[in-house]
Amino acid sequence: MDLNDALARVMREYRTATSNPFGGHTMGGFLRAQARDAVRYALGSTGRGLIIEGSAGAGNWATVPWVSIFDPAVTDTATRGYYVVYLFHSSEPLVHLSLNQGTTRTREEFGAQARQVLADRAALMRRRLPDFADVLSVRTIDLGSPKRLPADYVAGHALGRTYELDALPAEAELRGDLDVAIRAYRALTFRGGLDAAPELSGEVQDELGSPDLASLVEIRRYKLHRRIERNPQASKAAKRLHGKRCQTCDLDFGEAYGPLGAGFIEAHHLKPVASLEEGAPVEYELATDFAVLCSNCHRMIHRTAEPSDLEELRAIIRAQRQGHGGKIGSRVVEEAL
């Protein structure tokens, strides 16, 4: 099914569907499957590594149904982070292609101030993406409902396009707009995401050196690299594949700390920071592009000239162990404590 057909069907039929019981209705299944697949097909190779989900609600009809596109390096759910989404108007036959934000976690954290926080973050997103404003020219959206969630979506909108059923563009234009939205999404992540001042991070200063010596591009690549490492899906999968023993110093937290440390390890992204490009999909294989490291080795490898070189760190550890009579490393953790 084409993207044009999928969007048009939701705009035509969703409101009528909501007058019927929610459970088992074909419209719910359509949003979760066919509409989702239409977006995936429209993305083509641009969608590599992205998660696409559609929803008509959870247990009851949603006031605003949606189809969302998540980069797992940022988020894998509509409740947090930022993402690209098709938001359908609550009563009119129109849909917004929106670079938007997860509202649930923001409301949990900020309560009554959440909507202002969402609006402030949306303004930050626009400031970081001025080169996308010509195509994604819609800066404000209307979802036609005063309910909390739709109103939060309105506040969280940064950039996008609005389509009316009677003037829905041809497939090629819809795909072109979607491609631009995804490139903006990835560029935003490269440029700092929702971090107010990514270039001032203490972690970055510790591991890249003085901000006066590290370029802004280096800092942004580093931040994206660490975001990928902290992708919960990739991290869990890497640990399942590689196990729970540090691949450079051989430390097993369970052996060192007993039940307190059982199962603990950190995932490390091996793809060189310099290879990460703005707007480009990040492709990786768990077997070759991730390792598992203890906390100390993870910090130390980021201080080396090439954080993808496990063997270099192993050589450093071997040299130190030999120089200290073997009394350093995982096998003598008691002496190191």
C-alpha atoms as a PDB file:
ATOM      1  CA  MET A   1       0.000   0.000   0.000  1.00  0.00           C
ATOM      2  CA  ASP A   2       1.267   3.482  -0.867  1.00  0.00           C
ATOM      3  CA  LEU A   3       1.777   6.112   1.816  1.00  0.00           C
ATOM      4  CA  ASN A   4      -0.791   8.314   0.081  1.00  0.00           C
ATOM      5  CA  ASP A   5      -3.442   5.585   0.310  1.00  0.00           C
ATOM      6  CA  ALA A   6      -2.648   4.797   3.948  1.00  0.00           C
ATOM      7  CA  LEU A   7      -2.858   8.401   5.137  1.00  0.00           C
ATOM      8  CA  ALA A   8      -6.041   8.988   3.134  1.00  0.00           C
ATOM      9  CA  ARG A   9      -7.777   5.945   4.588  1.00  0.00           C
ATOM     10  CA  VAL A  10      -7.110   7.006   8.176  1.00  0.00           C
ATOM     11  CA  MET A  11      -8.305  10.545   7.445  1.00  0.00           C
ATOM     12  CA  ARG A  12     -11.487   9.236   5.801  1.00  0.00           C
ATOM     13  CA  GLU A  13     -12.424   6.389   8.101  1.00  0.00           C
ATOM     14  CA  TYR A  14     -10.988   6.878  11.594  1.00  0.00           C
ATOM     15  CA  ARG A  15     -13.724   9.144  13.011  1.00  0.00           C
ATOM     16  CA  THR A  16     -16.458   6.773  11.851  1.00  0.00           C
ATOM     17  CA  ALA A  17     -14.563   3.836  13.322  1.00  0.00           C
ATOM     18  CA  THR A  18     -14.483   5.441  16.789  1.00  0.00           C
ATOM     19  CA  SER A  19     -18.289   5.178  17.019  1.00  0.00           C
ATOM     20  CA  ASN A  20     -17.833   1.386  17.183  1.00  0.00           C
ATOM     21  CA  PRO A  21     -16.261  -0.776  19.904  1.00  0.00           C
ATOM     22  CA  PHE A  22     -12.489  -0.525  20.005  1.00  0.00           C
ATOM     23  CA  GLY A  23     -11.596  -4.157  20.523  1.00  0.00           C
ATOM     24  CA  GLY A  24     -10.839  -6.019  17.315  1.00  0.00           C
ATOM     25  CA  HIS A  25     -11.820  -3.185  15.002  1.00  0.00           C
ATOM     26  CA  THR A  26     -10.107  -3.270  11.616  1.00  0.00           C
ATOM     27  CA  MET A  27      -8.996   0.380  11.879  1.00  0.00           C
ATOM     28  CA  GLY A  28      -6.866  -0.396  14.910  1.00  0.00           C
ATOM     29  CA  GLY A  29      -5.245  -3.258  13.033  1.00  0.00           C
ATOM     30  CA  PHE A  30      -4.779  -1.061   9.979  1.00  0.00           C
ATOM     31  CA  LEU A  31      -2.809   1.559  11.905  1.00  0.00           C
ATOM     32  CA  ARG A  32      -0.695  -1.058  13.662  1.00  0.00           C
ATOM     33  CA  ALA A  33       0.105  -3.010  10.499  1.00  0.00           C
ATOM     34  CA  GLN A  34      -0.757  -1.690   7.030  1.00  0.00           C
ATOM     35  CA  ALA A  35      -0.210   2.012   7.789  1.00  0.00           C
ATOM     36  CA  ARG A  36       3.022   1.187   9.597  1.00  0.00           C
ATOM     37  CA  ASP A  37       4.195  -0.913   6.663  1.00  0.00           C
ATOM     38  CA  ALA A  38       3.284   1.850   4.188  1.00  0.00           C
ATOM     39  CA  VAL A  39       5.557   4.237   6.070  1.00  0.00           C
ATOM     40  CA  ARG A  40       8.339   1.654   6.169  1.00  0.00           C
ATOM     41  CA  TYR A  41       8.026   1.036   2.439  1.00  0.00           C
ATOM     42  CA  ALA A  42       7.996   4.773   1.706  1.00  0.00           C
ATOM     43  CA  LEU A  43      11.215   5.213   3.684  1.00  0.00           C
ATOM     44  CA  GLY A  44      13.075   2.545   1.737  1.00  0.00           C
ATOM     45  CA  SER A  45      16.786   2.430   2.540  1.00  0.00           C
ATOM     46  CA  THR A  46      16.452   5.683   4.518  1.00  0.00           C
ATOM     47  CA  GLY A  47      14.625   3.704   7.188  1.00  0.00           C
ATOM     48  CA  ARG A  48      17.468   1.304   7.968  1.00  0.00           C
ATOM     49  CA  GLY A  49      17.670   0.784  11.706  1.00  0.00           C
ATOM     50  CA  LEU A  50      14.504   2.762  12.493  1.00  0.00           C
ATOM     51  CA  ILE A  51      11.493   1.476  14.442  1.00  0.00           C
ATOM     52  CA  ILE A  52       8.027   2.235  13.060  1.00  0.00           C
ATOM     53  CA  GLU A  53       4.823   1.853  15.070  1.00  0.00           C
ATOM     54  CA  GLY A  54       1.203   2.837  14.559  1.00  0.00           C
ATOM     55  CA  SER A  55      -1.480   3.258  17.214  1.00  0.00           C
ATOM     56  CA  ALA A  56      -5.210   3.835  17.458  1.00  0.00           C
ATOM     57  CA  GLY A  57      -5.073   3.778  21.249  1.00  0.00           C
ATOM     58  CA  ALA A  58      -4.470   1.364  24.119  1.00  0.00           C
ATOM     59  CA  GLY A  59      -7.747  -0.191  25.248  1.00  0.00           C
ATOM     60  CA  ASN A  60      -9.806   2.718  23.939  1.00  0.00           C
ATOM     61  CA  TRP A  61      -9.830   4.864  20.818  1.00  0.00           C
ATOM     62  CA  ALA A  62      -7.149   7.544  20.850  1.00  0.00           C
ATOM     63  CA  THR A  63      -8.285  11.114  20.315  1.00  0.00           C
ATOM     64  CA  VAL A  64      -5.280  11.497  18.011  1.00  0.00           C
ATOM     65  CA  PRO A  65      -4.086   8.312  16.256  1.00  0.00           C
ATOM     66  CA  TRP A  66      -0.518   8.230  15.043  1.00  0.00           C
ATOM     67  CA  VAL A  67       2.237   6.452  13.138  1.00  0.00           C
ATOM     68  CA  SER A  68       5.660   7.130  14.677  1.00  0.00           C
ATOM     69  CA  ILE A  69       9.236   6.624  13.538  1.00  0.00           C
ATOM     70  CA  PHE A  70      11.839   6.086  16.246  1.00  0.00           C
ATOM     71  CA  ASP A  71      15.628   6.042  16.054  1.00  0.00           C
ATOM     72  CA  PRO A  72      16.560   3.547  18.808  1.00  0.00           C
ATOM     73  CA  ALA A  73      19.700   5.586  19.543  1.00  0.00           C
ATOM     74  CA  VAL A  74      17.261   8.238  20.806  1.00  0.00           C
ATOM     75  CA  THR A  75      14.094   6.394  21.856  1.00  0.00           C
ATOM     76  CA  ASP A  76      12.014   3.334  21.100  1.00  0.00           C
ATOM     77  CA  THR A  77       8.746   4.662  22.491  1.00  0.00           C
ATOM     78  CA  ALA A  78       6.422   7.628  22.019  1.00  0.00           C
ATOM     79  CA  THR A  79       6.599   8.421  25.738  1.00  0.00           C
ATOM     80  CA  ARG A  80      10.128   9.909  25.774  1.00  0.00           C
ATOM     81  CA  GLY A  81      12.810  11.472  23.617  1.00  0.00           C
ATOM     82  CA  TYR A  82      12.009  12.906  20.213  1.00  0.00           C
ATOM     83  CA  TYR A  83      10.866  11.331  16.973  1.00  0.00           C
ATOM     84  CA  VAL A  84       9.066  11.813  13.647  1.00  0.00           C
ATOM     85  CA  VAL A  85       5.325  11.143  13.701  1.00  0.00           C
ATOM     86  CA  TYR A  86       2.186  11.409  11.613  1.00  0.00           C
ATOM     87  CA  LEU A  87      -0.464  12.927  13.911  1.00  0.00           C
ATOM     88  CA  PHE A  88      -4.061  12.781  12.685  1.00  0.00           C
ATOM     89  CA  HIS A  89      -6.432  15.630  13.601  1.00  0.00           C
ATOM     90  CA  SER A  90      -9.074  14.740  16.177  1.00  0.00           C
ATOM     91  CA  SER A  91     -12.030  15.717  13.990  1.00  0.00           C
ATOM     92  CA  GLU A  92     -10.892  17.091  10.618  1.00  0.00           C
ATOM     93  CA  PRO A  93      -9.527  15.106   7.625  1.00  0.00           C
ATOM     94  CA  LEU A  94      -5.956  16.295   7.956  1.00  0.00           C
ATOM     95  CA  VAL A  95      -2.659  14.944   9.210  1.00  0.00           C
ATOM     96  CA  HIS A  96       0.580  16.539  10.425  1.00  0.00           C
ATOM     97  CA  LEU A  97       4.027  15.187   9.645  1.00  0.00           C
ATOM     98  CA  SER A  98       5.768  16.350  12.809  1.00  0.00           C
ATOM     99  CA  LEU A  99       9.186  16.305  14.426  1.00  0.00           C
ATOM    100  CA  ASN A 100       7.817  15.969  17.940  1.00  0.00           C
ATOM    101  CA  GLN A 101       8.596  14.801  21.465  1.00  0.00           C
ATOM    102  CA  GLY A 102       7.590  12.184  23.990  1.00  0.00           C
ATOM    103  CA  THR A 103       5.262  13.942  26.379  1.00  0.00           C
ATOM    104  CA  THR A 104       4.635  11.331  29.079  1.00  0.00           C
ATOM    105  CA  ARG A 105       8.104  11.379  30.664  1.00  0.00           C
ATOM    106  CA  THR A 106       8.255  15.164  30.444  1.00  0.00           C
ATOM    107  CA  ARG A 107       4.947  15.465  32.271  1.00  0.00           C
ATOM    108  CA  GLU A 108       6.086  12.974  34.910  1.00  0.00           C
ATOM    109  CA  GLU A 109       9.211  15.041  35.508  1.00  0.00           C
ATOM    110  CA  PHE A 110       7.860  18.586  35.271  1.00  0.00           C
ATOM    111  CA  GLY A 111       4.157  18.283  36.131  1.00  0.00           C
ATOM    112  CA  ALA A 112       2.258  21.494  35.517  1.00  0.00           C
ATOM    113  CA  GLN A 113       5.291  23.039  33.800  1.00  0.00           C
ATOM    114  CA  ALA A 114       5.528  20.228  31.230  1.00  0.00           C
ATOM    115  CA  ARG A 115       3.849  22.054  28.370  1.00  0.00           C
ATOM    116  CA  GLN A 116       6.173  25.039  28.680  1.00  0.00           C
ATOM    117  CA  VAL A 117       9.164  22.679  28.806  1.00  0.00           C
ATOM    118  CA  LEU A 118       7.931  20.966  25.633  1.00  0.00           C
ATOM    119  CA  ALA A 119       7.498  24.317  23.911  1.00  0.00           C
ATOM    120  CA  ASP A 120      10.973  25.452  24.989  1.00  0.00           C
ATOM    121  CA  ARG A 121      12.528  22.228  23.722  1.00  0.00           C
ATOM    122  CA  ALA A 122      10.651  22.554  20.423  1.00  0.00           C
ATOM    123  CA  ALA A 123      12.144  26.031  20.026  1.00  0.00           C
ATOM    124  CA  LEU A 124      15.610  24.581  20.705  1.00  0.00           C
ATOM    125  CA  MET A 125      15.013  21.937  18.029  1.00  0.00           C
ATOM    126  CA  ARG A 126      14.067  24.635  15.519  1.00  0.00           C
ATOM    127  CA  ARG A 127      17.196  26.630  16.341  1.00  0.00           C
ATOM    128  CA  ARG A 128      19.324  23.572  15.649  1.00  0.00           C
ATOM    129  CA  LEU A 129      17.634  22.821  12.328  1.00  0.00           C
ATOM    130  CA  PRO A 130      17.368  26.116  10.415  1.00  0.00           C
ATOM    131  CA  ASP A 131      18.468  24.437   7.179  1.00  0.00           C
ATOM    132  CA  PHE A 132      15.352  22.226   7.196  1.00  0.00           C
ATOM    133  CA  ALA A 133      12.828  25.000   7.762  1.00  0.00           C
ATOM    134  CA  ASP A 134      12.128  25.615   4.077  1.00  0.00           C
ATOM    135  CA  VAL A 135      10.678  22.149   3.502  1.00  0.00           C
ATOM    136  CA  LEU A 136       9.437  21.470   7.028  1.00  0.00           C
ATOM    137  CA  SER A 137       7.882  24.909   7.191  1.00  0.00           C
ATOM    138  CA  VAL A 138       4.955  24.295   9.567  1.00  0.00           C
ATOM    139  CA  ARG A 139       6.013  25.560  12.986  1.00  0.00           C
ATOM    140  CA  THR A 140       2.651  25.218  14.763  1.00  0.00           C
ATOM    141  CA  ILE A 141      -0.021  22.535  14.506  1.00  0.00           C
ATOM    142  CA  ASP A 142      -3.644  22.174  15.587  1.00  0.00           C
ATOM    143  CA  LEU A 143      -5.081  18.802  16.582  1.00  0.00           C
ATOM    144  CA  GLY A 144      -8.548  20.123  17.408  1.00  0.00           C
ATOM    145  CA  SER A 145      -8.739  18.869  20.979  1.00  0.00           C
ATOM    146  CA  PRO A 146      -8.180  20.513  24.376  1.00  0.00           C
ATOM    147  CA  LYS A 147      -7.372  17.156  25.981  1.00  0.00           C
ATOM    148  CA  ARG A 148      -4.018  16.891  27.664  1.00  0.00           C
ATOM    149  CA  LEU A 149      -2.200  14.555  25.306  1.00  0.00           C
ATOM    150  CA  PRO A 150      -3.199  16.280  22.042  1.00  0.00           C
ATOM    151  CA  ALA A 151      -2.394  19.670  23.591  1.00  0.00           C
ATOM    152  CA  ASP A 152       0.996  18.330  24.678  1.00  0.00           C
ATOM    153  CA  TYR A 153       1.672  17.147  21.133  1.00  0.00           C
ATOM    154  CA  VAL A 154       0.875  20.646  19.910  1.00  0.00           C
ATOM    155  CA  ALA A 155       3.396  22.105  22.374  1.00  0.00           C
ATOM    156  CA  GLY A 156       6.035  19.505  21.461  1.00  0.00           C
ATOM    157  CA  HIS A 157       5.896  20.106  17.710  1.00  0.00           C
ATOM    158  CA  ALA A 158       9.059  21.642  16.235  1.00  0.00           C
ATOM    159  CA  LEU A 159       8.940  21.386  12.436  1.00  0.00           C
ATOM    160  CA  GLY A 160       6.820  19.601   9.859  1.00  0.00           C
ATOM    161  CA  ARG A 161       4.199  19.599   7.136  1.00  0.00           C
ATOM    162  CA  THR A 162       0.391  19.562   7.203  1.00  0.00           C
ATOM    163  CA  TYR A 163      -1.715  17.693   4.650  1.00  0.00           C
ATOM    164  CA  GLU A 164      -5.450  17.949   3.990  1.00  0.00           C
ATOM    165  CA  LEU A 165      -7.341  15.020   2.531  1.00  0.00           C
ATOM    166  CA  ASP A 166      -8.702  17.043  -0.403  1.00  0.00           C
ATOM    167  CA  ALA A 167      -5.208  18.294  -1.289  1.00  0.00           C
ATOM    168  CA  LEU A 168      -3.082  15.298  -0.344  1.00  0.00           C
ATOM    169  CA  PRO A 169       0.145  15.419  -2.387  1.00  0.00           C
ATOM    170  CA  ALA A 170       1.231  12.701  -4.759  1.00  0.00           C
ATOM    171  CA  GLU A 171       3.271   9.781  -3.449  1.00  0.00           C
ATOM    172  CA  ALA A 172       6.599  11.208  -4.603  1.00  0.00           C
ATOM    173  CA  GLU A 173       6.098  14.454  -2.680  1.00  0.00           C
ATOM    174  CA  LEU A 174       4.977  12.646   0.473  1.00  0.00           C
ATOM    175  CA  ARG A 175       8.054  10.446   0.331  1.00  0.00           C
ATOM    176  CA  GLY A 176      10.290  13.429  -0.285  1.00  0.00           C
ATOM    177  CA  ASP A 177       8.891  15.245   2.757  1.00  0.00           C
ATOM    178  CA  LEU A 178       9.307  12.138   4.894  1.00  0.00           C
ATOM    179  CA  ASP A 179      12.909  11.740   3.768  1.00  0.00           C
ATOM    180  CA  VAL A 180      13.653  15.346   4.748  1.00  0.00           C
ATOM    181  CA  ALA A 181      11.996  14.810   8.135  1.00  0.00           C
ATOM    182  CA  ILE A 182      14.179  11.772   8.819  1.00  0.00           C
ATOM    183  CA  ARG A 183      17.310  13.633   7.769  1.00  0.00           C
ATOM    184  CA  ALA A 184      16.314  16.457  10.128  1.00  0.00           C
ATOM    185  CA  TYR A 185      15.734  13.903  12.894  1.00  0.00           C
ATOM    186  CA  ARG A 186      19.206  12.423  12.466  1.00  0.00           C
ATOM    187  CA  ALA A 187      20.813  15.842  12.106  1.00  0.00           C
ATOM    188  CA  LEU A 188      19.186  16.928  15.369  1.00  0.00           C
ATOM    189  CA  THR A 189      20.724  13.956  17.161  1.00  0.00           C
ATOM    190  CA  PHE A 190      24.140  14.774  15.703  1.00  0.00           C
ATOM    191  CA  ARG A 191      23.757  18.413  16.720  1.00  0.00           C
ATOM    192  CA  GLY A 192      22.973  17.695  20.354  1.00  0.00           C
ATOM    193  CA  GLY A 193      19.354  16.585  20.449  1.00  0.00           C
ATOM    194  CA  LEU A 194      17.529  18.144  23.389  1.00  0.00           C
ATOM    195  CA  ASP A 195      20.687  18.748  25.425  1.00  0.00           C
ATOM    196  CA  ALA A 196      20.738  22.453  26.180  1.00  0.00           C
ATOM    197  CA  ALA A 197      24.544  22.727  25.919  1.00  0.00           C
ATOM    198  CA  PRO A 198      26.087  19.453  24.716  1.00  0.00           C
ATOM    199  CA  GLU A 199      29.463  21.043  24.124  1.00  0.00           C
ATOM    200  CA  LEU A 200      29.825  21.824  27.837  1.00  0.00           C
ATOM    201  CA  SER A 201      29.331  18.257  29.096  1.00  0.00           C
ATOM    202  CA  GLY A 202      31.816  17.323  31.809  1.00  0.00           C
ATOM    203  CA  GLU A 203      32.003  13.809  30.375  1.00  0.00           C
ATOM    204  CA  VAL A 204      33.039  15.170  27.001  1.00  0.00           C
ATOM    205  CA  GLN A 205      35.688  17.378  28.562  1.00  0.00           C
ATOM    206  CA  ASP A 206      37.074  14.432  30.522  1.00  0.00           C
ATOM    207  CA  GLU A 207      37.357  12.142  27.532  1.00  0.00           C
ATOM    208  CA  LEU A 208      38.041  14.490  24.613  1.00  0.00           C
ATOM    209  CA  GLY A 209      40.084  17.037  26.499  1.00  0.00           C
ATOM    210  CA  SER A 210      39.545  20.764  26.780  1.00  0.00           C
ATOM    211  CA  PRO A 211      36.594  22.095  24.747  1.00  0.00           C
ATOM    212  CA  ASP A 212      39.072  24.626  23.354  1.00  0.00           C
ATOM    213  CA  LEU A 213      41.032  21.767  21.783  1.00  0.00           C
ATOM    214  CA  ALA A 214      38.159  19.559  20.597  1.00  0.00           C
ATOM    215  CA  SER A 215      36.148  20.736  17.610  1.00  0.00           C
ATOM    216  CA  LEU A 216      32.380  21.004  17.803  1.00  0.00           C
ATOM    217  CA  VAL A 217      32.119  18.243  15.190  1.00  0.00           C
ATOM    218  CA  GLU A 218      34.279  15.937  17.326  1.00  0.00           C
ATOM    219  CA  ILE A 219      32.157  16.661  20.365  1.00  0.00           C
ATOM    220  CA  ARG A 220      28.925  15.998  18.503  1.00  0.00           C
ATOM    221  CA  ARG A 221      30.243  12.741  17.084  1.00  0.00           C
ATOM    222  CA  TYR A 222      31.358  11.674  20.537  1.00  0.00           C
ATOM    223  CA  LYS A 223      27.950  12.458  22.021  1.00  0.00           C
ATOM    224  CA  LEU A 224      26.201  10.489  19.289  1.00  0.00           C
ATOM    225  CA  HIS A 225      28.621   7.588  19.803  1.00  0.00           C
ATOM    226  CA  ARG A 226      27.774   7.405  23.499  1.00  0.00           C
ATOM    227  CA  ARG A 227      24.058   7.734  22.746  1.00  0.00           C
ATOM    228  CA  ILE A 228      24.319   4.670  20.517  1.00  0.00           C
ATOM    229  CA  GLU A 229      26.083   2.766  23.304  1.00  0.00           C
ATOM    230  CA  ARG A 230      23.234   3.643  25.644  1.00  0.00           C
ATOM    231  CA  ASN A 231      20.564   2.462  23.236  1.00  0.00           C
ATOM    232  CA  PRO A 232      18.864  -0.076  25.548  1.00  0.00           C
ATOM    233  CA  GLN A 233      17.993  -2.477  22.740  1.00  0.00           C
ATOM    234  CA  ALA A 234      21.513  -2.605  21.305  1.00  0.00           C
ATOM    235  CA  SER A 235      23.056  -2.762  24.770  1.00  0.00           C
ATOM    236  CA  LYS A 236      20.937  -5.727  25.887  1.00  0.00           C
ATOM    237  CA  ALA A 237      21.493  -7.549  22.611  1.00  0.00           C
ATOM    238  CA  ALA A 238      25.258  -7.003  22.797  1.00  0.00           C
ATOM    239  CA  LYS A 239      25.350  -8.407  26.324  1.00  0.00           C
ATOM    240  CA  ARG A 240      23.346 -11.471  25.266  1.00  0.00           C
ATOM    241  CA  LEU A 241      25.759 -12.078  22.398  1.00  0.00           C
ATOM    242  CA  HIS A 242      29.096 -11.297  24.071  1.00  0.00           C
ATOM    243  CA  GLY A 243      28.366 -12.351  27.633  1.00  0.00           C
ATOM    244  CA  LYS A 244      29.095 -10.597  30.909  1.00  0.00           C
ATOM    245  CA  ARG A 245      32.910 -10.794  31.134  1.00  0.00           C
ATOM    246  CA  CYS A 246      35.005  -7.753  30.176  1.00  0.00           C
ATOM    247  CA  GLN A 247      36.608  -8.385  26.791  1.00  0.00           C
ATOM    248  CA  THR A 248      39.790  -6.498  27.653  1.00  0.00           C
ATOM    249  CA  CYS A 249      40.644  -7.151  31.323  1.00  0.00           C
ATOM    250  CA  ASP A 250      38.549 -10.320  31.841  1.00  0.00           C
ATOM    251  CA  LEU A 251      36.703  -8.967  34.871  1.00  0.00           C
ATOM    252  CA  ASP A 252      33.419 -10.660  35.759  1.00  0.00           C
ATOM    253  CA  PHE A 253      31.469  -8.497  38.197  1.00  0.00           C
ATOM    254  CA  GLY A 254      29.695 -11.529  39.616  1.00  0.00           C
ATOM    255  CA  GLU A 255      33.011 -13.145  40.513  1.00  0.00           C
ATOM    256  CA  ALA A 256      34.360  -9.920  41.980  1.00  0.00           C
ATOM    257  CA  TYR A 257      31.309  -8.709  43.914  1.00  0.00           C
ATOM    258  CA  GLY A 258      29.057 -11.735  44.248  1.00  0.00           C
ATOM    259  CA  PRO A 259      25.288 -11.292  43.808  1.00  0.00           C
ATOM    260  CA  LEU A 260      25.680  -7.500  43.817  1.00  0.00           C
ATOM    261  CA  GLY A 261      27.612  -7.602  40.545  1.00  0.00           C
ATOM    262  CA  ALA A 262      26.031 -10.645  38.909  1.00  0.00           C
ATOM    263  CA  GLY A 263      25.110  -9.927  35.307  1.00  0.00           C
ATOM    264  CA  PHE A 264      26.528  -6.389  35.240  1.00  0.00           C
ATOM    265  CA  ILE A 265      28.608  -5.229  32.271  1.00  0.00           C
ATOM    266  CA  GLU A 266      28.620  -2.239  29.883  1.00  0.00           C
ATOM    267  CA  ALA A 267      28.210  -2.244  26.109  1.00  0.00           C
ATOM    268  CA  HIS A 268      30.795  -0.374  24.045  1.00  0.00           C
ATOM    269  CA  HIS A 269      30.179   0.795  20.481  1.00  0.00           C
ATOM    270  CA  LEU A 270      33.214  -0.031  18.360  1.00  0.00           C
ATOM    271  CA  LYS A 271      32.433   1.970  15.239  1.00  0.00           C
ATOM    272  CA  PRO A 272      34.982   4.813  15.081  1.00  0.00           C
ATOM    273  CA  VAL A 273      33.586   8.159  16.177  1.00  0.00           C
ATOM    274  CA  ALA A 274      34.981   9.804  13.038  1.00  0.00           C
ATOM    275  CA  SER A 275      32.837   7.533  10.846  1.00  0.00           C
ATOM    276  CA  LEU A 276      29.569   8.912  12.226  1.00  0.00           C
ATOM    277  CA  GLU A 277      28.032  11.369   9.786  1.00  0.00           C
ATOM    278  CA  GLU A 278      25.244  13.873  10.255  1.00  0.00           C
ATOM    279  CA  GLY A 279      22.000  12.697   8.704  1.00  0.00           C
ATOM    280  CA  ALA A 280      23.345   9.233   7.867  1.00  0.00           C
ATOM    281  CA  PRO A 281      21.795   6.051   9.263  1.00  0.00           C
ATOM    282  CA  VAL A 282      24.007   4.312  11.801  1.00  0.00           C
ATOM    283  CA  GLU A 283      24.371   0.696  10.719  1.00  0.00           C
ATOM    284  CA  TYR A 284      26.075  -1.842  12.947  1.00  0.00           C
ATOM    285  CA  GLU A 285      26.345  -5.548  13.560  1.00  0.00           C
ATOM    286  CA  LEU A 286      26.193  -6.647  17.177  1.00  0.00           C
ATOM    287  CA  ALA A 287      28.888  -9.272  16.636  1.00  0.00           C
ATOM    288  CA  THR A 288      31.480  -6.898  15.187  1.00  0.00           C
ATOM    289  CA  ASP A 289      30.477  -3.373  16.181  1.00  0.00           C
ATOM    290  CA  PHE A 290      29.864  -3.852  19.905  1.00  0.00           C
ATOM    291  CA  ALA A 291      31.968  -5.182  22.754  1.00  0.00           C
ATOM    292  CA  VAL A 292      31.272  -5.634  26.468  1.00  0.00           C
ATOM    293  CA  LEU A 293      33.585  -3.904  28.922  1.00  0.00           C
ATOM    294  CA  CYS A 294      33.825  -3.312  32.640  1.00  0.00           C
ATOM    295  CA  SER A 295      33.259   0.254  33.775  1.00  0.00           C
ATOM    296  CA  ASN A 296      36.966   1.043  34.142  1.00  0.00           C
ATOM    297  CA  CYS A 297      37.951  -0.357  30.737  1.00  0.00           C
ATOM    298  CA  HIS A 298      35.013   1.440  29.160  1.00  0.00           C
ATOM    299  CA  ARG A 299      36.250   4.753  30.516  1.00  0.00           C
ATOM    300  CA  MET A 300      39.850   4.018  29.618  1.00  0.00           C
ATOM    301  CA  ILE A 301      39.186   2.973  26.022  1.00  0.00           C
ATOM    302  CA  HIS A 302      37.522   6.326  25.414  1.00  0.00           C
ATOM    303  CA  ARG A 303      40.785   7.976  26.470  1.00  0.00           C
ATOM    304  CA  THR A 304      42.817   6.133  23.832  1.00  0.00           C
ATOM    305  CA  ALA A 305      43.515   7.447  20.346  1.00  0.00           C
ATOM    306  CA  GLU A 306      41.228   4.815  18.796  1.00  0.00           C
ATOM    307  CA  PRO A 307      38.322   3.685  20.999  1.00  0.00           C
ATOM    308  CA  SER A 308      37.491   0.914  18.531  1.00  0.00           C
ATOM    309  CA  ASP A 309      40.817  -0.875  19.122  1.00  0.00           C
ATOM    310  CA  LEU A 310      40.276  -3.457  21.861  1.00  0.00           C
ATOM    311  CA  GLU A 311      43.698  -5.000  21.306  1.00  0.00           C
ATOM    312  CA  GLU A 312      45.448  -1.716  22.098  1.00  0.00           C
ATOM    313  CA  LEU A 313      43.776  -1.590  25.506  1.00  0.00           C
ATOM    314  CA  ARG A 314      44.530  -5.272  26.100  1.00  0.00           C
ATOM    315  CA  ALA A 315      48.210  -4.560  25.363  1.00  0.00           C
ATOM    316  CA  ILE A 316      48.215  -1.674  27.851  1.00  0.00           C
ATOM    317  CA  ILE A 317      46.680  -3.921  30.515  1.00  0.00           C
ATOM    318  CA  ARG A 318      49.149  -6.741  29.816  1.00  0.00           C
ATOM    319  CA  ALA A 319      52.095  -4.367  30.074  1.00  0.00           C
ATOM    320  CA  GLN A 320      50.837  -2.987  33.371  1.00  0.00           C
ATOM    321  CA  ARG A 321      50.223  -6.435  34.809  1.00  0.00           C
ATOM    322  CA  GLN A 322      53.720  -7.548  33.835  1.00  0.00           C
ATOM    323  CA  GLY A 323      55.204  -4.402  35.317  1.00  0.00           C
ATOM    324  CA  HIS A 324      53.375  -4.993  38.592  1.00  0.00           C
ATOM    325  CA  GLY A 325      54.108  -8.680  38.905  1.00  0.00           C
ATOM    326  CA  GLY A 326      50.657  -9.624  37.715  1.00  0.00           C
ATOM    327  CA  LYS A 327      49.013  -7.889  40.632  1.00  0.00           C
ATOM    328  CA  ILE A 328      46.681  -5.787  38.611  1.00  0.00           C
ATOM    329  CA  GLY A 329      43.516  -6.652  36.724  1.00  0.00           C
ATOM    330  CA  SER A 330      40.479  -8.774  37.194  1.00  0.00           C
ATOM    331  CA  ARG A 331      42.131 -11.842  38.656  1.00  0.00           C
ATOM    332  CA  VAL A 332      43.517  -9.901  41.624  1.00  0.00           C
ATOM    333  CA  VAL A 333      40.601  -7.549  42.135  1.00  0.00           C
ATOM    334  CA  GLU A 334      40.852  -8.079  45.889  1.00  0.00           C
ATOM    335  CA  GLU A 335      44.336  -6.524  45.871  1.00  0.00           C
ATOM    336  CA  ALA A 336      43.189  -3.610  43.731  1.00  0.00           C
ATOM    337  CA  LEU A 337      40.311  -2.677  46.028  1.00  0.00           C
END
